[in-house]
Structures are given as structure tokens and as C-alpha cells.
């Protein structure tokens, strides 16, 4: 779960962890695709750095590796929020995973658990 407004109090239900890995994306509505960089990850979603504004609730297909030597994960998601990076033309996007209960989600959960003990 992500905030819809940066000024509201923290309401996330999942702890976030640094995640500086490449993320491939595809927007089914426009067929736009490409790559971006992850910023952090939780069981509920991912924060990425993006080149332009994307409207919240926009569907997106993601492909990424939790670590370099892991198999790639594919998951369906939606944009939860978008905030412009100060002094930049880039945006931070909050991405909410939609495939709860899938093998990808299980892999993300295991990755998160392994990061908690560090």
C-alpha cells in the first residue's frame, strides 16, 4: 500500500528495503516499454525512478531480478502515486503489485524476509 499524498502520515503496511536493480516495464494500454531503476521494494510494491509522469491507477507489467543471479520475475502492477523529483524532470513512481499469491509474490516475500535478518 502506498500513500496518495506525500504530506500524509506514513500508512504503508509493509516495510521497505533498498532495491537498486534495473526494472523493465511495459504499459499495456500504450505499448510503451523500456527500463528504469528500482529505488526500494516491499511485499506490496516497488518505488522506481521514471522519466515522465504516469497517471495513478495506470496498469503496468514489470520484469526484474531481485538480485543479479536470481531468475527474472514477471508481475502485473499499477501505479499508486507519482511525485516529481525536486530540481529534475524525473518522477518517483509508487508501484503496487497486483499478483498477490503468485510465485513472483512468494519470491519477493522470501527476498524481504532474508533482508530483515541483516
N, C-alpha and C. Protein backbone atom coordinates (compact mmCIF):
# COMPACT_ATOMS: atom_id res chain seq x y z
N UNK A 1 0.86 -1.17 0.00
CA UNK A 1 0.00 0.00 0.00
C UNK A 1 0.90 1.24 0.00
N UNK A 2 0.58 2.22 -0.80
CA UNK A 2 1.36 3.44 -0.89
C UNK A 2 0.50 4.64 -0.54
N UNK A 3 1.16 5.72 -0.19
CA UNK A 3 0.46 6.97 0.10
C UNK A 3 -0.01 7.61 -1.20
N UNK A 4 -1.11 8.28 -1.14
CA UNK A 4 -1.56 9.02 -2.31
C UNK A 4 -1.07 10.46 -2.23
N UNK A 5 -0.57 10.88 -1.08
CA UNK A 5 -0.08 12.23 -0.89
C UNK A 5 1.13 12.20 0.03
N UNK A 6 2.26 12.77 -0.38
CA UNK A 6 3.48 12.75 0.41
C UNK A 6 3.31 13.39 1.78
N UNK A 7 2.41 14.35 1.94
CA UNK A 7 2.28 15.07 3.20
C UNK A 7 1.45 14.31 4.24
N UNK A 8 0.80 13.23 3.84
CA UNK A 8 0.03 12.45 4.79
C UNK A 8 0.98 11.63 5.64
N UNK A 9 0.51 11.19 6.81
CA UNK A 9 1.34 10.35 7.67
C UNK A 9 1.58 9.01 7.00
N UNK A 10 2.64 8.34 7.41
CA UNK A 10 3.01 7.04 6.86
C UNK A 10 1.90 6.02 7.10
N UNK A 11 1.43 5.38 6.01
CA UNK A 11 0.36 4.40 6.13
C UNK A 11 0.71 3.09 5.45
N UNK A 12 1.95 2.88 5.10
CA UNK A 12 2.32 1.63 4.46
C UNK A 12 2.21 0.49 5.46
N UNK A 13 1.81 -0.67 4.95
CA UNK A 13 1.70 -1.82 5.84
C UNK A 13 2.90 -2.75 5.71
N UNK A 14 3.75 -2.53 4.71
CA UNK A 14 4.93 -3.36 4.50
C UNK A 14 6.20 -2.50 4.62
N UNK A 15 7.18 -3.03 5.31
CA UNK A 15 8.46 -2.34 5.44
C UNK A 15 9.18 -2.34 4.09
N UNK A 16 9.85 -1.22 3.78
CA UNK A 16 10.56 -1.09 2.52
C UNK A 16 12.05 -1.36 2.71
N UNK A 17 12.68 -1.87 1.65
CA UNK A 17 14.11 -2.15 1.65
C UNK A 17 14.72 -1.58 0.38
N UNK A 18 15.97 -1.12 0.47
CA UNK A 18 16.66 -0.60 -0.71
C UNK A 18 16.63 -1.64 -1.81
N UNK A 19 16.46 -1.17 -3.02
CA UNK A 19 16.38 -2.06 -4.18
C UNK A 19 16.88 -1.29 -5.39
N UNK A 20 18.18 -1.33 -5.61
CA UNK A 20 18.79 -0.57 -6.70
C UNK A 20 19.10 -1.50 -7.88
N UNK A 21 18.04 -2.06 -8.44
CA UNK A 21 18.17 -3.00 -9.55
C UNK A 21 17.40 -2.49 -10.76
N UNK A 22 17.83 -2.88 -11.97
CA UNK A 22 17.08 -2.49 -13.18
C UNK A 22 15.70 -3.15 -13.21
N UNK A 23 14.73 -2.42 -13.72
CA UNK A 23 13.36 -2.89 -13.85
C UNK A 23 12.90 -2.62 -15.29
N UNK A 24 12.43 -3.66 -15.97
CA UNK A 24 11.83 -3.48 -17.29
C UNK A 24 10.32 -3.30 -17.11
N UNK A 25 9.72 -2.46 -17.94
CA UNK A 25 8.30 -2.19 -17.82
C UNK A 25 7.64 -2.20 -19.19
N UNK A 26 6.33 -2.42 -19.16
CA UNK A 26 5.51 -2.28 -20.36
C UNK A 26 4.13 -1.83 -19.93
N UNK A 27 3.65 -0.76 -20.54
CA UNK A 27 2.30 -0.27 -20.28
C UNK A 27 1.38 -0.87 -21.33
N UNK A 28 0.49 -1.79 -20.96
CA UNK A 28 -0.36 -2.47 -21.95
C UNK A 28 -1.24 -1.52 -22.76
N UNK A 29 -1.71 -0.44 -22.15
CA UNK A 29 -2.61 0.48 -22.86
C UNK A 29 -1.94 1.20 -24.02
N UNK A 30 -0.66 1.52 -23.86
CA UNK A 30 0.03 2.30 -24.88
C UNK A 30 1.12 1.52 -25.59
N UNK A 31 1.43 0.33 -25.09
CA UNK A 31 2.53 -0.50 -25.60
C UNK A 31 3.89 0.15 -25.38
N UNK A 32 3.96 1.24 -24.62
CA UNK A 32 5.24 1.83 -24.26
C UNK A 32 6.00 0.83 -23.39
N UNK A 33 7.30 0.69 -23.66
CA UNK A 33 8.12 -0.21 -22.85
C UNK A 33 9.51 0.38 -22.72
N UNK A 34 10.25 -0.14 -21.76
CA UNK A 34 11.61 0.34 -21.55
C UNK A 34 12.14 -0.16 -20.22
N UNK A 35 13.09 0.59 -19.70
CA UNK A 35 13.72 0.22 -18.45
C UNK A 35 13.88 1.42 -17.54
N UNK A 36 13.99 1.14 -16.26
CA UNK A 36 14.19 2.18 -15.25
C UNK A 36 14.94 1.55 -14.08
N UNK A 37 15.15 2.31 -13.04
CA UNK A 37 15.90 1.83 -11.89
C UNK A 37 15.00 1.77 -10.67
N UNK A 38 15.04 0.63 -9.97
CA UNK A 38 14.32 0.49 -8.72
C UNK A 38 14.96 1.33 -7.63
N UNK A 39 14.17 1.76 -6.66
CA UNK A 39 14.67 2.53 -5.52
C UNK A 39 14.50 1.75 -4.22
N UNK A 40 13.30 1.21 -4.01
CA UNK A 40 13.05 0.35 -2.86
C UNK A 40 11.93 -0.61 -3.19
N UNK A 41 11.81 -1.66 -2.34
CA UNK A 41 10.84 -2.71 -2.58
C UNK A 41 10.23 -3.14 -1.25
N UNK A 42 8.99 -3.59 -1.31
CA UNK A 42 8.31 -4.18 -0.16
C UNK A 42 7.46 -5.33 -0.69
N UNK A 43 6.79 -6.04 0.21
CA UNK A 43 5.89 -7.10 -0.24
C UNK A 43 4.75 -6.55 -1.06
N UNK A 44 4.42 -5.28 -0.86
CA UNK A 44 3.28 -4.69 -1.55
C UNK A 44 3.60 -3.96 -2.82
N UNK A 45 4.87 -3.60 -3.03
CA UNK A 45 5.17 -2.84 -4.23
C UNK A 45 6.62 -2.43 -4.34
N UNK A 46 6.84 -1.48 -5.23
CA UNK A 46 8.17 -1.08 -5.64
C UNK A 46 8.14 0.41 -5.92
N UNK A 47 9.23 1.10 -5.60
CA UNK A 47 9.36 2.51 -5.99
C UNK A 47 10.44 2.58 -7.06
N UNK A 48 10.13 3.26 -8.15
CA UNK A 48 11.06 3.38 -9.26
C UNK A 48 11.28 4.85 -9.62
N UNK A 49 12.38 5.12 -10.29
CA UNK A 49 12.66 6.43 -10.87
C UNK A 49 12.28 6.35 -12.34
N UNK A 50 11.53 7.36 -12.80
CA UNK A 50 10.97 7.30 -14.15
C UNK A 50 11.18 8.63 -14.87
N UNK A 51 11.20 8.59 -16.19
CA UNK A 51 11.49 9.78 -16.98
C UNK A 51 10.33 10.74 -17.16
N UNK A 52 9.11 10.30 -16.93
CA UNK A 52 7.96 11.19 -17.13
C UNK A 52 6.83 10.81 -16.19
N UNK A 53 5.86 11.69 -16.10
CA UNK A 53 4.69 11.46 -15.25
C UNK A 53 3.85 10.32 -15.81
N UNK A 54 3.35 9.47 -14.90
CA UNK A 54 2.40 8.43 -15.26
C UNK A 54 1.22 8.55 -14.31
N UNK A 55 0.04 8.57 -14.85
CA UNK A 55 -1.18 8.76 -14.06
C UNK A 55 -1.39 7.58 -13.09
N UNK A 56 -1.71 7.87 -11.83
CA UNK A 56 -2.06 6.79 -10.89
C UNK A 56 -3.17 5.91 -11.43
N UNK A 57 -3.15 4.67 -11.08
CA UNK A 57 -4.06 3.60 -11.50
C UNK A 57 -3.75 3.07 -12.89
N UNK A 58 -2.67 3.54 -13.51
CA UNK A 58 -2.25 3.02 -14.80
C UNK A 58 -1.68 1.61 -14.62
N UNK A 59 -2.14 0.67 -15.43
CA UNK A 59 -1.64 -0.72 -15.37
C UNK A 59 -0.24 -0.78 -15.96
N UNK A 60 0.62 -1.64 -15.39
CA UNK A 60 1.97 -1.82 -15.89
C UNK A 60 2.42 -3.26 -15.65
N UNK A 61 3.12 -3.81 -16.62
CA UNK A 61 3.74 -5.13 -16.48
C UNK A 61 5.21 -4.91 -16.17
N UNK A 62 5.72 -5.61 -15.16
CA UNK A 62 7.11 -5.45 -14.73
C UNK A 62 7.89 -6.75 -14.89
N UNK A 63 9.18 -6.60 -15.15
CA UNK A 63 10.10 -7.72 -15.20
C UNK A 63 11.38 -7.26 -14.53
N UNK A 64 11.82 -7.99 -13.49
CA UNK A 64 13.04 -7.60 -12.77
C UNK A 64 13.62 -8.79 -12.02
N UNK A 65 14.85 -8.65 -11.62
CA UNK A 65 15.52 -9.66 -10.80
C UNK A 65 15.70 -9.08 -9.41
N UNK A 66 15.45 -9.91 -8.40
CA UNK A 66 15.65 -9.45 -7.03
C UNK A 66 17.13 -9.27 -6.72
N UNK A 67 17.95 -10.11 -7.32
CA UNK A 67 19.41 -9.98 -7.27
C UNK A 67 19.94 -10.41 -8.63
N UNK A 68 21.16 -10.02 -8.92
CA UNK A 68 21.73 -10.26 -10.25
C UNK A 68 21.68 -11.73 -10.65
N UNK A 69 21.93 -12.65 -9.71
CA UNK A 69 21.99 -14.07 -10.04
C UNK A 69 20.65 -14.79 -9.87
N UNK A 70 19.56 -14.08 -9.59
CA UNK A 70 18.22 -14.66 -9.46
C UNK A 70 17.55 -14.73 -10.83
N UNK A 71 16.57 -15.63 -10.95
CA UNK A 71 15.75 -15.67 -12.16
C UNK A 71 14.88 -14.42 -12.23
N UNK A 72 14.56 -13.95 -13.44
CA UNK A 72 13.70 -12.76 -13.55
C UNK A 72 12.28 -13.06 -13.09
N UNK A 73 11.65 -12.05 -12.51
CA UNK A 73 10.26 -12.14 -12.08
C UNK A 73 9.40 -11.29 -13.00
N UNK A 74 8.22 -11.78 -13.30
CA UNK A 74 7.25 -11.00 -14.06
C UNK A 74 6.03 -10.82 -13.18
N UNK A 75 5.54 -9.60 -13.12
CA UNK A 75 4.36 -9.34 -12.30
C UNK A 75 3.54 -8.21 -12.89
N UNK A 76 2.26 -8.25 -12.65
CA UNK A 76 1.35 -7.18 -13.05
C UNK A 76 1.21 -6.22 -11.88
N UNK A 77 1.07 -4.95 -12.18
CA UNK A 77 1.01 -3.93 -11.13
C UNK A 77 0.23 -2.73 -11.64
N UNK A 78 0.12 -1.74 -10.75
CA UNK A 78 -0.48 -0.47 -11.16
C UNK A 78 0.27 0.65 -10.46
N UNK A 79 0.25 1.81 -11.08
CA UNK A 79 0.87 2.99 -10.49
C UNK A 79 -0.02 3.46 -9.35
N UNK A 80 0.55 3.58 -8.15
CA UNK A 80 -0.21 4.03 -6.99
C UNK A 80 -0.09 5.54 -6.81
N UNK A 81 1.10 6.08 -7.08
CA UNK A 81 1.33 7.52 -6.97
C UNK A 81 2.51 7.92 -7.83
N UNK A 82 2.60 9.21 -8.12
CA UNK A 82 3.72 9.78 -8.89
C UNK A 82 4.07 11.14 -8.30
N UNK A 83 5.36 11.34 -8.02
CA UNK A 83 5.84 12.62 -7.49
C UNK A 83 7.07 13.07 -8.27
N UNK A 84 7.06 14.32 -8.66
CA UNK A 84 8.20 14.87 -9.37
C UNK A 84 9.39 14.98 -8.44
N UNK A 85 10.57 14.59 -8.94
CA UNK A 85 11.80 14.73 -8.17
C UNK A 85 12.19 16.21 -8.19
N UNK A 86 12.41 16.83 -7.02
CA UNK A 86 12.76 18.25 -6.98
C UNK A 86 13.98 18.56 -7.86
N UNK A 87 13.92 19.69 -8.55
CA UNK A 87 15.01 20.18 -9.42
C UNK A 87 15.35 19.18 -10.52
N UNK A 88 14.34 18.49 -11.04
CA UNK A 88 14.57 17.46 -12.04
C UNK A 88 13.34 17.34 -12.93
N UNK A 89 13.52 16.71 -14.08
CA UNK A 89 12.39 16.39 -14.96
C UNK A 89 11.93 14.95 -14.74
N UNK A 90 12.48 14.28 -13.74
CA UNK A 90 12.17 12.88 -13.47
C UNK A 90 11.10 12.76 -12.39
N UNK A 91 10.54 11.55 -12.29
CA UNK A 91 9.48 11.27 -11.31
C UNK A 91 9.82 10.01 -10.52
N UNK A 92 9.35 9.98 -9.28
CA UNK A 92 9.33 8.77 -8.48
C UNK A 92 7.93 8.21 -8.63
N UNK A 93 7.82 6.92 -8.94
CA UNK A 93 6.53 6.26 -9.06
C UNK A 93 6.42 5.19 -8.00
N UNK A 94 5.31 5.17 -7.31
CA UNK A 94 4.99 4.08 -6.40
C UNK A 94 4.18 3.06 -7.17
N UNK A 95 4.68 1.83 -7.22
CA UNK A 95 4.06 0.77 -8.00
C UNK A 95 3.49 -0.27 -7.03
N UNK A 96 2.23 -0.59 -7.16
CA UNK A 96 1.59 -1.57 -6.28
C UNK A 96 1.41 -2.90 -7.03
N UNK A 97 1.99 -3.98 -6.47
CA UNK A 97 1.85 -5.30 -7.08
C UNK A 97 0.39 -5.74 -7.02
N UNK A 98 -0.07 -6.40 -8.10
CA UNK A 98 -1.44 -6.88 -8.14
C UNK A 98 -1.53 -8.40 -8.07
N UNK A 99 -0.46 -9.11 -8.32
CA UNK A 99 -0.47 -10.57 -8.37
C UNK A 99 -0.22 -11.18 -7.00
N UNK A 100 -1.05 -10.91 -6.05
CA UNK A 100 -0.89 -11.48 -4.71
C UNK A 100 -1.08 -13.00 -4.79
N UNK A 101 -0.24 -13.74 -4.08
CA UNK A 101 -0.38 -15.19 -4.04
C UNK A 101 0.27 -15.93 -5.20
N UNK A 102 1.05 -15.25 -6.03
CA UNK A 102 1.71 -15.91 -7.16
C UNK A 102 3.13 -16.30 -6.77
N UNK A 103 3.79 -17.05 -7.63
CA UNK A 103 5.17 -17.46 -7.39
C UNK A 103 6.08 -16.23 -7.32
N UNK A 104 5.82 -15.23 -8.15
CA UNK A 104 6.61 -13.98 -8.08
C UNK A 104 6.47 -13.34 -6.72
N UNK A 105 5.23 -13.27 -6.22
CA UNK A 105 4.99 -12.66 -4.91
C UNK A 105 5.67 -13.47 -3.81
N UNK A 106 5.66 -14.80 -3.91
CA UNK A 106 6.34 -15.65 -2.93
C UNK A 106 7.85 -15.38 -2.94
N UNK A 107 8.43 -15.21 -4.14
CA UNK A 107 9.86 -14.91 -4.25
C UNK A 107 10.19 -13.55 -3.62
N UNK A 108 9.33 -12.57 -3.84
CA UNK A 108 9.53 -11.24 -3.24
C UNK A 108 9.45 -11.35 -1.72
N UNK A 109 8.49 -12.09 -1.22
CA UNK A 109 8.32 -12.27 0.23
C UNK A 109 9.58 -12.92 0.84
N UNK A 110 10.12 -13.95 0.17
CA UNK A 110 11.34 -14.61 0.67
C UNK A 110 12.52 -13.65 0.64
N UNK A 111 12.63 -12.85 -0.41
CA UNK A 111 13.71 -11.85 -0.51
C UNK A 111 13.61 -10.85 0.64
N UNK A 112 12.41 -10.38 0.92
CA UNK A 112 12.19 -9.42 2.01
C UNK A 112 12.57 -10.05 3.35
N UNK A 113 12.14 -11.29 3.58
CA UNK A 113 12.48 -11.98 4.84
C UNK A 113 13.98 -12.11 5.00
N UNK A 114 14.68 -12.42 3.94
CA UNK A 114 16.14 -12.57 4.02
C UNK A 114 16.83 -11.24 4.30
N UNK A 115 16.24 -10.13 3.89
CA UNK A 115 16.81 -8.81 4.15
C UNK A 115 16.51 -8.33 5.57
N UNK A 116 15.47 -8.82 6.19
CA UNK A 116 15.12 -8.40 7.54
C UNK A 116 16.14 -8.84 8.57
N UNK A 117 16.79 -9.97 8.35
CA UNK A 117 17.72 -10.52 9.34
C UNK A 117 19.09 -9.88 9.27
N UNK A 118 19.36 -9.07 8.31
CA UNK A 118 20.69 -8.44 8.16
C UNK A 118 20.90 -7.33 9.14
